[in-house]
Amino acid sequence: MKFSIRHIRGHVEVFDAKGRFLLSADNETEADRELRKMNEWTKADAEVPNAVYAYFS
């Protein structure tokens, strides 16, 4: 997944390759951790056909 990290008013915001907002975090380490979680969820979704998930943080 391609993404960009922008430093905004003391925190970081992560956007996908098309500029769509993905997540906000206190720092780049937290953003990296959240991106890894998102990647794991995506892999799990691909393994379960017709599954519906809701993710809460």
PDB file of N, CA and C in Angstrom:
ATOM      1  N   MET A   1       0.847  -1.169   0.000  1.00  0.00           N
ATOM      2  CA  MET A   1       0.000   0.000   0.000  1.00  0.00           C
ATOM      3  C   MET A   1       0.894   1.234   0.000  1.00  0.00           C
ATOM      4  N   LYS A   2       0.652   2.135  -0.930  1.00  0.00           N
ATOM      5  CA  LYS A   2       1.389   3.391  -0.957  1.00  0.00           C
ATOM      6  C   LYS A   2       0.610   4.424  -0.162  1.00  0.00           C
ATOM      7  N   PHE A   3       1.339   5.223   0.585  1.00  0.00           N
ATOM      8  CA  PHE A   3       0.695   6.226   1.420  1.00  0.00           C
ATOM      9  C   PHE A   3       1.654   7.374   1.656  1.00  0.00           C
ATOM     10  N   SER A   4       1.122   8.475   2.177  1.00  0.00           N
ATOM     11  CA  SER A   4       1.964   9.604   2.564  1.00  0.00           C
ATOM     12  C   SER A   4       1.609  10.004   3.984  1.00  0.00           C
ATOM     13  N   ILE A   5       2.618  10.464   4.710  1.00  0.00           N
ATOM     14  CA  ILE A   5       2.432  10.929   6.079  1.00  0.00           C
ATOM     15  C   ILE A   5       2.666  12.431   6.090  1.00  0.00           C
ATOM     16  N   ARG A   6       1.716  13.168   6.640  1.00  0.00           N
ATOM     17  CA  ARG A   6       1.837  14.625   6.737  1.00  0.00           C
ATOM     18  C   ARG A   6       1.795  15.032   8.204  1.00  0.00           C
ATOM     19  N   HIS A   7       2.691  15.923   8.566  1.00  0.00           N
ATOM     20  CA  HIS A   7       2.713  16.450   9.936  1.00  0.00           C
ATOM     21  C   HIS A   7       1.767  17.651   9.988  1.00  0.00           C
ATOM     22  N   ILE A   8       0.717  17.521  10.794  1.00  0.00           N
ATOM     23  CA  ILE A   8      -0.326  18.541  10.882  1.00  0.00           C
ATOM     24  C   ILE A   8      -0.540  18.921  12.346  1.00  0.00           C
ATOM     25  N   ARG A   9      -0.276  20.155  12.704  1.00  0.00           N
ATOM     26  CA  ARG A   9      -0.574  20.684  14.048  1.00  0.00           C
ATOM     27  C   ARG A   9      -0.194  19.739  15.190  1.00  0.00           C
ATOM     28  N   GLY A  10       1.012  19.230  15.167  1.00  0.00           N
ATOM     29  CA  GLY A  10       1.507  18.424  16.278  1.00  0.00           C
ATOM     30  C   GLY A  10       1.176  16.943  16.229  1.00  0.00           C
ATOM     31  N   HIS A  11       0.532  16.475  15.159  1.00  0.00           N
ATOM     32  CA  HIS A  11       0.292  15.045  15.006  1.00  0.00           C
ATOM     33  C   HIS A  11       0.534  14.684  13.543  1.00  0.00           C
ATOM     34  N   VAL A  12       0.367  13.427  13.199  1.00  0.00           N
ATOM     35  CA  VAL A  12       0.550  13.019  11.808  1.00  0.00           C
ATOM     36  C   VAL A  12      -0.767  12.499  11.250  1.00  0.00           C
ATOM     37  N   GLU A  13      -0.968  12.741   9.971  1.00  0.00           N
ATOM     38  CA  GLU A  13      -2.120  12.213   9.257  1.00  0.00           C
ATOM     39  C   GLU A  13      -1.597  11.401   8.088  1.00  0.00           C
ATOM     40  N   VAL A  14      -2.242  10.276   7.833  1.00  0.00           N
ATOM     41  CA  VAL A  14      -1.809   9.365   6.779  1.00  0.00           C
ATOM     42  C   VAL A  14      -2.872   9.343   5.689  1.00  0.00           C
ATOM     43  N   PHE A  15      -2.412   9.450   4.438  1.00  0.00           N
ATOM     44  CA  PHE A  15      -3.287   9.468   3.278  1.00  0.00           C
ATOM     45  C   PHE A  15      -2.855   8.389   2.301  1.00  0.00           C
ATOM     46  N   ASP A  16      -3.813   7.821   1.564  1.00  0.00           N
ATOM     47  CA  ASP A  16      -3.457   6.811   0.571  1.00  0.00           C
ATOM     48  C   ASP A  16      -2.891   7.483  -0.675  1.00  0.00           C
ATOM     49  N   ALA A  17      -2.556   6.685  -1.677  1.00  0.00           N
ATOM     50  CA  ALA A  17      -1.922   7.194  -2.894  1.00  0.00           C
ATOM     51  C   ALA A  17      -2.811   8.176  -3.658  1.00  0.00           C
ATOM     52  N   LYS A  18      -4.127   8.098  -3.447  1.00  0.00           N
ATOM     53  CA  LYS A  18      -5.055   9.014  -4.116  1.00  0.00           C
ATOM     54  C   LYS A  18      -5.384  10.232  -3.266  1.00  0.00           C
ATOM     55  N   GLY A  19      -4.711  10.362  -2.112  1.00  0.00           N
ATOM     56  CA  GLY A  19      -4.921  11.518  -1.259  1.00  0.00           C
ATOM     57  C   GLY A  19      -6.079  11.396  -0.289  1.00  0.00           C
ATOM     58  N   ARG A  20      -6.648  10.194  -0.165  1.00  0.00           N
ATOM     59  CA  ARG A  20      -7.771   9.980   0.761  1.00  0.00           C
ATOM     60  C   ARG A  20      -7.238   9.734   2.170  1.00  0.00           C
ATOM     61  N   PHE A  21      -7.879  10.353   3.145  1.00  0.00           N
ATOM     62  CA  PHE A  21      -7.481  10.223   4.540  1.00  0.00           C
ATOM     63  C   PHE A  21      -7.633   8.778   5.005  1.00  0.00           C
ATOM     64  N   LEU A  22      -6.586   8.260   5.683  1.00  0.00           N
ATOM     65  CA  LEU A  22      -6.640   6.912   6.248  1.00  0.00           C
ATOM     66  C   LEU A  22      -6.728   6.927   7.762  1.00  0.00           C
ATOM     67  N   LEU A  23      -5.827   7.703   8.396  1.00  0.00           N
ATOM     68  CA  LEU A  23      -5.809   7.711   9.853  1.00  0.00           C
ATOM     69  C   LEU A  23      -5.015   8.889  10.377  1.00  0.00           C
ATOM     70  N   SER A  24      -5.204   9.149  11.653  1.00  0.00           N
ATOM     71  CA  SER A  24      -4.474  10.183  12.368  1.00  0.00           C
ATOM     72  C   SER A  24      -3.780   9.513  13.542  1.00  0.00           C
ATOM     73  N   ALA A  25      -2.577   9.974  13.869  1.00  0.00           N
ATOM     74  CA  ALA A  25      -1.820   9.386  14.977  1.00  0.00           C
ATOM     75  C   ALA A  25      -1.008  10.476  15.663  1.00  0.00           C
ATOM     76  N   ASP A  26      -0.570  10.175  16.881  1.00  0.00           N
ATOM     77  CA  ASP A  26       0.238  11.135  17.636  1.00  0.00           C
ATOM     78  C   ASP A  26       1.634  11.298  17.052  1.00  0.00           C
ATOM     79  N   ASN A  27       2.163  10.226  16.438  1.00  0.00           N
ATOM     80  CA  ASN A  27       3.520  10.267  15.881  1.00  0.00           C
ATOM     81  C   ASN A  27       3.647   9.206  14.790  1.00  0.00           C
ATOM     82  N   GLU A  28       4.800   9.196  14.103  1.00  0.00           N
ATOM     83  CA  GLU A  28       4.996   8.264  13.000  1.00  0.00           C
ATOM     84  C   GLU A  28       5.038   6.814  13.465  1.00  0.00           C
ATOM     85  N   THR A  29       5.551   6.563  14.661  1.00  0.00           N
ATOM     86  CA  THR A  29       5.594   5.196  15.185  1.00  0.00           C
ATOM     87  C   THR A  29       4.180   4.651  15.357  1.00  0.00           C
ATOM     88  N   GLU A  30       3.302   5.461  15.938  1.00  0.00           N
ATOM     89  CA  GLU A  30       1.908   5.042  16.109  1.00  0.00           C
ATOM     90  C   GLU A  30       1.230   4.863  14.751  1.00  0.00           C
ATOM     91  N   ALA A  31       1.508   5.754  13.815  1.00  0.00           N
ATOM     92  CA  ALA A  31       0.928   5.641  12.475  1.00  0.00           C
ATOM     93  C   ALA A  31       1.372   4.342  11.816  1.00  0.00           C
ATOM     94  N   ASP A  32       2.651   4.007  11.949  1.00  0.00           N
ATOM     95  CA  ASP A  32       3.171   2.761  11.388  1.00  0.00           C
ATOM     96  C   ASP A  32       2.458   1.559  12.002  1.00  0.00           C
ATOM     97  N   ARG A  33       2.274   1.572  13.310  1.00  0.00           N
ATOM     98  CA  ARG A  33       1.590   0.474  14.004  1.00  0.00           C
ATOM     99  C   ARG A  33       0.149   0.326  13.484  1.00  0.00           C
ATOM    100  N   GLU A  34      -0.543   1.446  13.322  1.00  0.00           N
ATOM    101  CA  GLU A  34      -1.924   1.402  12.841  1.00  0.00           C
ATOM    102  C   GLU A  34      -2.003   0.929  11.389  1.00  0.00           C
ATOM    103  N   LEU A  35      -1.041   1.357  10.561  1.00  0.00           N
ATOM    104  CA  LEU A  35      -1.011   0.893   9.169  1.00  0.00           C
ATOM    105  C   LEU A  35      -0.789  -0.611   9.103  1.00  0.00           C
ATOM    106  N   ARG A  36       0.078  -1.123   9.968  1.00  0.00           N
ATOM    107  CA  ARG A  36       0.315  -2.575  10.010  1.00  0.00           C
ATOM    108  C   ARG A  36      -0.955  -3.319  10.419  1.00  0.00           C
ATOM    109  N   LYS A  37      -1.701  -2.774  11.376  1.00  0.00           N
ATOM    110  CA  LYS A  37      -2.975  -3.385  11.773  1.00  0.00           C
ATOM    111  C   LYS A  37      -3.944  -3.396  10.595  1.00  0.00           C
ATOM    112  N   MET A  38      -4.025  -2.275   9.884  1.00  0.00           N
ATOM    113  CA  MET A  38      -4.921  -2.193   8.732  1.00  0.00           C
ATOM    114  C   MET A  38      -4.547  -3.237   7.692  1.00  0.00           C
ATOM    115  N   ASN A  39      -3.241  -3.430   7.485  1.00  0.00           N
ATOM    116  CA  ASN A  39      -2.767  -4.408   6.517  1.00  0.00           C
ATOM    117  C   ASN A  39      -3.158  -5.817   6.949  1.00  0.00           C
ATOM    118  N   GLU A  40      -3.055  -6.116   8.231  1.00  0.00           N
ATOM    119  CA  GLU A  40      -3.456  -7.429   8.738  1.00  0.00           C
ATOM    120  C   GLU A  40      -4.955  -7.638   8.544  1.00  0.00           C
ATOM    121  N   TRP A  41      -5.769  -6.608   8.801  1.00  0.00           N
ATOM    122  CA  TRP A  41      -7.212  -6.729   8.607  1.00  0.00           C
ATOM    123  C   TRP A  41      -7.527  -7.007   7.145  1.00  0.00           C
ATOM    124  N   THR A  42      -6.820  -6.324   6.248  1.00  0.00           N
ATOM    125  CA  THR A  42      -7.056  -6.515   4.819  1.00  0.00           C
ATOM    126  C   THR A  42      -6.757  -7.949   4.423  1.00  0.00           C
ATOM    127  N   LYS A  43      -5.658  -8.507   4.921  1.00  0.00           N
ATOM    128  CA  LYS A  43      -5.314  -9.901   4.624  1.00  0.00           C
ATOM    129  C   LYS A  43      -6.385 -10.841   5.168  1.00  0.00           C
ATOM    130  N   ALA A  44      -6.851 -10.593   6.380  1.00  0.00           N
ATOM    131  CA  ALA A  44      -7.874 -11.449   6.985  1.00  0.00           C
ATOM    132  C   ALA A  44      -9.175 -11.375   6.193  1.00  0.00           C
ATOM    133  N   ASP A  45      -9.547 -10.187   5.741  1.00  0.00           N
ATOM    134  CA  ASP A  45     -10.770 -10.019   4.956  1.00  0.00           C
ATOM    135  C   ASP A  45     -10.701 -10.833   3.669  1.00  0.00           C
ATOM    136  N   ALA A  46      -9.542 -10.872   3.038  1.00  0.00           N
ATOM    137  CA  ALA A  46      -9.377 -11.598   1.784  1.00  0.00           C
ATOM    138  C   ALA A  46      -9.534 -13.103   1.989  1.00  0.00           C
ATOM    139  N   GLU A  47      -9.268 -13.571   3.195  1.00  0.00           N
ATOM    140  CA  GLU A  47      -9.338 -15.004   3.480  1.00  0.00           C
ATOM    141  C   GLU A  47     -10.751 -15.473   3.813  1.00  0.00           C
ATOM    142  N   VAL A  48     -11.679 -14.554   4.093  1.00  0.00           N
ATOM    143  CA  VAL A  48     -13.039 -14.922   4.492  1.00  0.00           C
ATOM    144  C   VAL A  48     -14.018 -14.341   3.473  1.00  0.00           C
ATOM    145  N   PRO A  49     -14.525 -15.165   2.552  1.00  0.00           N
ATOM    146  CA  PRO A  49     -15.442 -14.641   1.533  1.00  0.00           C
ATOM    147  C   PRO A  49     -16.758 -14.161   2.140  1.00  0.00           C
ATOM    148  N   ASN A  50     -17.282 -13.079   1.586  1.00  0.00           N
ATOM    149  CA  ASN A  50     -18.573 -12.511   1.987  1.00  0.00           C
ATOM    150  C   ASN A  50     -18.632 -12.096   3.455  1.00  0.00           C
ATOM    151  N   ALA A  51     -17.495 -11.799   4.051  1.00  0.00           N
ATOM    152  CA  ALA A  51     -17.465 -11.392   5.458  1.00  0.00           C
ATOM    153  C   ALA A  51     -17.705  -9.892   5.570  1.00  0.00           C
ATOM    154  N   VAL A  52     -18.340  -9.500   6.655  1.00  0.00           N
ATOM    155  CA  VAL A  52     -18.570  -8.087   6.944  1.00  0.00           C
ATOM    156  C   VAL A  52     -17.932  -7.795   8.290  1.00  0.00           C
ATOM    157  N   TYR A  53     -17.099  -6.756   8.343  1.00  0.00           N
ATOM    158  CA  TYR A  53     -16.384  -6.415   9.560  1.00  0.00           C
ATOM    159  C   TYR A  53     -16.614  -4.956   9.915  1.00  0.00           C
ATOM    160  N   ALA A  54     -16.552  -4.653  11.183  1.00  0.00           N
ATOM    161  CA  ALA A  54     -16.540  -3.277  11.666  1.00  0.00           C
ATOM    162  C   ALA A  54     -15.318  -3.141  12.553  1.00  0.00           C
ATOM    163  N   TYR A  55     -14.500  -2.145  12.301  1.00  0.00           N
ATOM    164  CA  TYR A  55     -13.278  -1.951  13.067  1.00  0.00           C
ATOM    165  C   TYR A  55     -13.399  -0.708  13.923  1.00  0.00           C
ATOM    166  N   PHE A  56     -13.049  -0.838  15.162  1.00  0.00           N
ATOM    167  CA  PHE A  56     -13.097   0.275  16.096  1.00  0.00           C
ATOM    168  C   PHE A  56     -11.741   0.422  16.744  1.00  0.00           C
ATOM    169  N   SER A  57     -11.316   1.649  16.946  1.00  0.00           N
ATOM    170  CA  SER A  57     -10.029   1.863  17.619  1.00  0.00           C
ATOM    171  C   SER A  57     -10.232   2.619  18.897  1.00  0.00           C
TER     172      SER A  57
END
